[in-house]
Protein backbone atom coordinates (compact mmCIF):
# COMPACT_ATOMS: atom_id res chain seq x y z
CA UNK A 1 -9.08 -14.11 15.65
CA UNK A 2 -9.73 -10.16 15.57
CA UNK A 3 -9.67 -7.81 18.41
CA UNK A 4 -12.68 -5.87 18.20
CA UNK A 5 -12.20 -2.58 17.24
CA UNK A 6 -14.90 -0.32 19.04
CA UNK A 7 -16.11 2.64 16.41
CA UNK A 8 -17.92 5.48 17.60
CA UNK A 9 -20.34 7.00 14.94
CA UNK A 10 -18.19 10.56 14.93
CA UNK A 11 -14.78 8.07 14.19
CA UNK A 12 -16.58 6.32 11.40
CA UNK A 13 -17.25 9.86 9.47
CA UNK A 14 -13.53 10.65 10.26
CA UNK A 15 -12.52 7.22 8.94
CA UNK A 16 -14.52 7.18 5.77
CA UNK A 17 -13.16 10.75 4.93
CA UNK A 18 -9.38 9.43 5.61
CA UNK A 19 -10.55 6.53 3.19
CA UNK A 20 -11.53 9.14 0.56
CA UNK A 21 -7.94 11.27 0.83
CA UNK A 22 -6.01 8.19 0.64
CA UNK A 23 -7.50 6.80 -2.72
CA UNK A 24 -6.98 10.41 -4.25
CA UNK A 25 -3.59 10.28 -2.96
CA UNK A 26 -3.05 6.47 -4.41
CA UNK A 27 -5.05 7.73 -7.78
CA UNK A 28 -2.40 10.56 -8.19
CA UNK A 29 0.77 8.56 -7.05
CA UNK A 30 0.48 5.02 -7.02
CA UNK A 31 0.61 4.13 -3.60
CA UNK A 32 -1.14 5.92 -0.07
CA UNK A 33 -3.68 3.67 0.75
CA UNK A 34 -1.75 1.14 2.76
CA UNK A 35 1.25 3.10 2.92
CA UNK A 36 -0.19 6.22 4.93
CA UNK A 37 -3.71 4.37 6.27
CA UNK A 38 -2.00 1.26 8.24
CA UNK A 39 -0.10 3.62 10.58
CA UNK A 40 -3.27 6.12 10.61
CA UNK A 41 -5.69 3.12 11.85
CA UNK A 42 -3.19 1.51 14.09
CA UNK A 43 -3.51 4.90 16.05
CA UNK A 44 -7.26 4.25 16.04
CA UNK A 45 -6.16 1.21 17.62
CA UNK A 46 -7.36 -0.96 15.35
CA UNK A 47 -5.52 -4.44 15.47
CA UNK A 48 -3.42 -5.08 12.55
CA UNK A 49 -5.75 -7.82 10.81
CA UNK A 50 -8.61 -5.27 11.46
CA UNK A 51 -6.49 -2.74 9.43
CA UNK A 52 -6.05 -5.64 6.56
CA UNK A 53 -9.71 -5.92 6.25
CA UNK A 54 -10.68 -2.32 5.93
CA UNK A 55 -7.59 -0.94 3.64
CA UNK A 56 -6.95 -4.15 1.59
CA UNK A 57 -10.04 -4.05 -0.56
CA UNK A 58 -9.86 -0.13 -0.57
CA UNK A 59 -6.31 -0.45 -2.64
CA UNK A 60 -7.44 -3.00 -5.03
CA UNK A 61 -10.23 -1.08 -5.86
CA UNK A 62 -8.78 1.98 -6.32
CA UNK A 63 -5.61 0.48 -8.31
CA UNK A 64 -8.54 -1.28 -10.50
CA UNK A 65 -10.33 1.45 -11.12
CA UNK A 66 -7.08 3.87 -12.10
CA UNK A 67 -5.92 0.70 -14.37
CA UNK A 68 -9.28 1.41 -16.51
CA UNK A 69 -8.20 5.13 -16.35
CA UNK A 70 -5.14 4.34 -17.68
CA UNK A 71 -6.14 2.12 -20.52
CA UNK A 72 -9.14 4.43 -21.34
CA UNK A 73 -7.29 7.98 -21.19
CA UNK A 74 -3.50 6.85 -22.47
CA UNK A 75 -4.56 3.86 -25.12
CA UNK A 76 -2.84 5.70 -27.58
CA UNK A 77 0.29 6.04 -25.76
CA UNK A 78 2.86 3.25 -25.49
CA UNK A 79 2.56 2.37 -21.84
CA UNK A 80 3.50 -1.13 -20.59
CA UNK A 81 4.83 -3.14 -17.94
CA UNK A 82 8.66 -4.22 -17.98
CA UNK A 83 8.47 -8.08 -18.55
CA UNK A 84 11.57 -8.94 -16.82
CA UNK A 85 10.22 -7.02 -13.46
CA UNK A 86 6.77 -8.64 -14.08
CA UNK A 87 8.46 -11.84 -13.99
CA UNK A 88 10.52 -11.23 -11.16
CA UNK A 89 7.51 -9.87 -9.15
CA UNK A 90 5.20 -12.73 -9.99
CA UNK A 91 7.58 -15.67 -9.70
CA UNK A 92 9.34 -13.83 -6.05
CA UNK A 93 7.55 -11.08 -4.74
CA UNK A 94 3.68 -12.63 -4.73
CA UNK A 95 4.46 -15.99 -3.19
CA UNK A 96 6.62 -14.53 -0.31
CA UNK A 97 3.67 -12.53 0.97
CA UNK A 98 2.19 -15.91 2.22
CA UNK A 99 5.23 -16.33 4.54
CA UNK A 100 4.37 -12.67 6.12
CA UNK A 101 0.68 -13.64 6.37
CA UNK A 102 1.70 -16.79 8.16
CA UNK A 103 3.96 -15.11 10.52
CA UNK A 104 1.13 -12.57 11.13
CA UNK A 105 -1.46 -15.10 11.58
CA UNK A 106 0.78 -16.81 14.59
CA UNK A 107 2.19 -13.79 16.00
CA UNK A 108 -0.68 -11.32 15.99
CA UNK A 109 -1.26 -11.37 19.48
CA UNK A 110 2.29 -11.36 20.75
CA UNK A 111 3.78 -8.73 18.28
CA UNK A 112 3.70 -4.89 18.69
CA UNK A 113 2.87 -3.82 15.40
CA UNK A 114 2.67 -0.12 16.19
CA UNK A 115 6.26 -0.20 16.31
CA UNK A 116 7.08 -2.83 13.75
CA UNK A 117 5.36 -1.06 11.20
CA UNK A 118 6.37 2.50 12.01
CA UNK A 119 10.06 1.27 11.92
CA UNK A 120 9.37 -0.46 8.67
CA UNK A 121 7.83 3.08 7.35
CA UNK A 122 10.63 4.94 8.33
CA UNK A 123 13.38 2.37 7.27
CA UNK A 124 11.61 2.53 3.71
CA UNK A 125 11.61 6.21 3.71
CA UNK A 126 15.39 6.58 4.72
CA UNK A 127 16.11 4.03 2.09
CA UNK A 128 14.42 5.90 -0.80
CA UNK A 129 15.85 9.25 0.74
CA UNK A 130 19.64 7.87 0.85
CA UNK A 131 20.00 4.69 -1.62
CA UNK A 132 17.57 5.40 -4.48
CA UNK A 133 20.66 5.74 -6.95
CA UNK A 134 22.30 2.68 -5.55
CA UNK A 135 19.07 0.19 -6.75
CA UNK A 136 19.67 1.29 -10.42
CA UNK A 137 23.00 -0.69 -10.15
CA UNK A 138 21.57 -3.63 -8.32
CA UNK A 139 22.23 -7.01 -10.46
CA UNK A 140 19.67 -9.29 -11.11
CA UNK A 141 20.14 -11.44 -7.71
CA UNK A 142 19.91 -8.43 -5.64
CA UNK A 143 16.65 -7.08 -7.22
CA UNK A 144 15.34 -10.84 -6.77
CA UNK A 145 16.39 -10.68 -3.05
CA UNK A 146 14.83 -7.04 -2.52
CA UNK A 147 11.44 -8.26 -3.92
CA UNK A 148 11.80 -11.38 -1.88
CA UNK A 149 11.80 -8.78 1.26
CA UNK A 150 9.53 -6.86 0.06
CA UNK A 151 6.62 -9.63 -0.28
CA UNK A 152 7.68 -10.86 3.33
CA UNK A 153 7.51 -7.31 4.57
CA UNK A 154 4.17 -6.43 3.13
CA UNK A 155 2.42 -9.79 4.21
CA UNK A 156 3.58 -9.40 7.89
CA UNK A 157 3.05 -5.46 8.33
CA UNK A 158 1.11 -4.15 5.12
CA UNK A 159 3.63 -1.61 4.63
CA UNK A 160 5.90 -2.59 1.65
CA UNK A 161 4.48 -0.12 -0.50
CA UNK A 162 7.05 2.31 -0.23
CA UNK A 163 10.01 -0.19 -0.82
CA UNK A 164 7.74 -1.54 -4.01
CA UNK A 165 7.51 1.99 -5.60
CA UNK A 166 10.92 2.91 -4.77
CA UNK A 167 12.34 -0.58 -6.33
CA UNK A 168 10.02 0.60 -9.56
CA UNK A 169 10.32 4.39 -9.34
CA UNK A 170 14.46 3.62 -9.73
CA UNK A 171 14.16 1.09 -12.58
CA UNK A 172 11.75 3.69 -15.01
CA UNK A 173 12.34 7.12 -15.61
CA UNK A 174 9.09 7.82 -17.67
CA UNK A 175 6.48 9.74 -15.68
CA UNK A 176 3.26 7.99 -17.29
CA UNK A 177 5.01 4.44 -17.31
CA UNK A 178 6.23 4.68 -13.63
CA UNK A 179 2.93 5.62 -12.57
CA UNK A 180 0.95 2.65 -14.65
CA UNK A 181 3.99 0.13 -13.14
CA UNK A 182 3.74 1.29 -9.67
CA UNK A 183 -0.44 1.04 -10.00
CA UNK A 184 -0.23 -2.32 -11.77
CA UNK A 185 2.13 -4.16 -9.33
CA UNK A 186 0.39 -2.27 -6.22
CA UNK A 187 -3.02 -3.69 -7.42
CA UNK A 188 -1.69 -7.52 -7.67
CA UNK A 189 0.11 -7.06 -4.41
CA UNK A 190 -2.95 -6.08 -2.47
CA UNK A 191 -5.09 -8.91 -4.59
CA UNK A 192 -2.71 -11.63 -3.37
CA UNK A 193 -2.41 -10.39 -0.25
CA UNK A 194 -6.31 -9.87 0.44
CA UNK A 195 -6.95 -13.44 -1.04
CA UNK A 196 -4.44 -15.62 0.81
CA UNK A 197 -5.57 -13.22 3.78
CA UNK A 198 -8.84 -14.44 3.86
CA UNK A 199 -8.09 -17.92 3.37
CA UNK A 200 -5.47 -17.97 6.13
CA UNK A 201 -7.92 -16.02 8.68
CA UNK A 202 -11.02 -17.81 7.39
CA UNK A 203 -12.75 -14.84 6.58
CA UNK A 204 -15.72 -13.95 3.83
CA UNK A 205 -16.31 -10.62 1.82
CA UNK A 206 -18.52 -8.41 3.41
CA UNK A 207 -20.52 -7.29 0.23
CA UNK A 208 -22.41 -4.21 2.23
CA UNK A 209 -18.94 -2.56 3.00
CA UNK A 210 -17.48 -3.51 -0.37
CA UNK A 211 -20.31 -1.25 -2.11
CA UNK A 212 -19.40 1.44 0.41
CA UNK A 213 -15.96 0.90 -0.29
CA UNK A 214 -16.87 1.10 -4.16
CA UNK A 215 -18.96 4.55 -3.80
CA UNK A 216 -15.52 6.01 -1.79
CA UNK A 217 -13.29 4.62 -4.23
CA UNK A 218 -15.00 5.78 -7.49
CA UNK A 219 -15.36 9.62 -5.85
CA UNK A 220 -11.74 9.52 -5.04
CA UNK A 221 -10.55 8.14 -8.39
CA UNK A 222 -12.47 10.95 -10.04
CA UNK A 223 -10.72 13.65 -7.75
CA UNK A 224 -7.30 12.20 -8.06
CA UNK A 225 -7.34 11.70 -11.51
CA UNK A 226 -8.51 15.32 -12.19
CA UNK A 227 -5.74 16.71 -9.68
CA UNK A 228 -3.18 14.86 -11.68
CA UNK A 229 -3.81 16.67 -14.89
CA UNK A 230 -3.15 20.20 -12.99
CA UNK A 231 -0.15 19.28 -10.45
CA UNK A 232 2.99 17.01 -10.77
CA UNK A 233 2.28 13.77 -9.21
CA UNK A 234 6.12 14.10 -7.46
CA UNK A 235 4.32 16.70 -5.21
CA UNK A 236 1.75 14.11 -4.22
CA UNK A 237 4.58 11.60 -3.93
CA UNK A 238 6.55 13.83 -1.58
CA UNK A 239 2.71 14.33 0.20
CA UNK A 240 2.67 10.82 0.88
CA UNK A 241 6.15 10.57 2.21
CA UNK A 242 5.68 13.33 4.84
CA UNK A 243 2.35 12.02 5.71
CA UNK A 244 3.67 8.32 6.58
CA UNK A 245 6.60 9.70 8.25
CA UNK A 246 4.80 11.72 10.66
CA UNK A 247 1.54 9.47 11.04
CA UNK A 248 4.72 6.64 11.63
CA UNK A 249 6.52 8.78 14.19
CA UNK A 250 3.36 9.60 15.86
CA UNK A 251 2.34 5.88 16.13
CA UNK A 252 5.98 4.95 17.32
CA UNK A 253 5.85 7.62 20.27
CA UNK A 254 2.40 6.69 21.06
CA UNK A 255 3.72 2.91 21.09
CA UNK A 256 6.12 3.72 23.74
CA UNK A 257 3.96 5.42 25.83
CA UNK A 258 1.44 2.96 25.92
CA UNK A 259 3.89 0.09 25.99
């Protein structure tokens, strides 16, 4: 089912360090592991299913640990999830992930995901740059269609995080509220995607890798939450966008040279 990824020992350390950096970024800005990690691992010649199997548990653990941090440190503040957004998300966005994963399962061997993932991320960044304001004025029906598209794109490419964070940040203005909502929805997005992924691809959880991922995530979450106290997370969001842009651009150029 999977294309085997041959990873030399030095490359393992590089990947582990990359994952730690991505966990730190996601702990500060709410996204990062999937948005930057997906094109980065494709550059290392991982297949998309292999990329999902590596990044999804990291993203889930990172978001879960940060939700605990929010509840512990922000328990006296009024931080909650918008009920209408939650309803749209669970009824529309999550089920549409199945459609994307279904296409991934059957078209994995014939689709050039380097090109598709690159274009999805670059287009998402362009939309964020040019049309962020207009999302606030979308009708409820348009928002539903937007979440439907986000779920399908995320299931098929693992790169719907930019669009989801764009959607949430355009509707929520308060800093901590935005960060909490992005973390909350990103956790369930990755969790639901991972469960469906394991079922559709007939896989099981590797508990040895799980423990290694847990150590990486704990260290990254601690560092990230120390940094967020000293720096505005908007700088980290900008950094994630820059990293996503350049990794996607390099991946796109590389795919044309190796096509």
